[in-house]
Amino acid sequence: MNKLLKNKILLLTGAGSGLGRSTALLAAQEGAKLVLGDRDNKSGHKTVGLVKEIGGEAVFLKTDVTKSEDIKALIGKALATYGRIDCAVNNAGVEGERNRTGDYGEAEWRRVIDINLTGVFLCMKYELPEMVKAGGGAIVNIGSTASIGGVATMPAYVASKHAVLGLTRTTAMDYGEHNIRVNIIFPGSFRTPMSERLFGVDTIEEAVKPLTPMRRLAKADEVAESIVWLCSDRSSWVSGSGLSVDGAKRAG
């Protein structure tokens, strides 16, 4: 069977841990050549090493998605190394502090919005012209079940993830004529450094099971599968869509 991403050039932010790392490894297994960005230099290079251990190909550049120059440099690295970008996964994000809206810090609000929303905007702003030149492409933005529902004491995170949904749908409409597909996924809970901070390293299973009809945490690979599919030609008529990958958490 042909690999889903054979000969595809995939750019991925937030590649140093969690879903980003799992997506990088699965995409490499499916034949993609990877251009990885993360603000943590050490963890990003570790992901490159893991990709190479399984026979994949990857390059890395330290990237802060709130800085246009960093994103331009990452895209420049992709073009210098491989000549094009076929697909992009805009994954970098943070959860922010836990606090009610009236008590939420203004600086923290701006930080979360800057990374989670403006970071996705900037990535697409500079990814899209290269995909237009290449004659098409696929972008997957990483939302959350918080993109379609509220979460108490997380106003900045929820606001940013709702906004990424709207941005995704608008961009899909704007660039469909260029054969560029833009989608968003809404992952439910799975074990990552972020979810461990939110629910506790030792209590995450106990906290999440009652919230999920399937009564378990997802594996990061299960979420990565949907990302890889949306990047692939198998999803050629899917654009402007939000895909819930959450064990029926938001089915009601």
Foldseek 3Di string as FASTA:
>chain_A
DQQQQAPAEEEEEPCLWFLNLLLLQNNQVSHYAYQYEYQDPVSQVVSQVVSVVVPGHYDYDYAQLLDLVRLVVSVVVSCVVPNAHAEYEYEDAAQFDFAAPVPDDPVRLCVRLSRLAVSVVSNCVVRVVRQLVVQEHEYEYEAAVLLVDPDHRRVSNSVSRVVVLVVQLVVQVVCVVSHYAGEYEHEAAADIPRLCVVQNPVCSLVVCQVLAPVRGGDYSNQVSVVVSCRRGCVPSPDHSYYHYHYNCSVVD
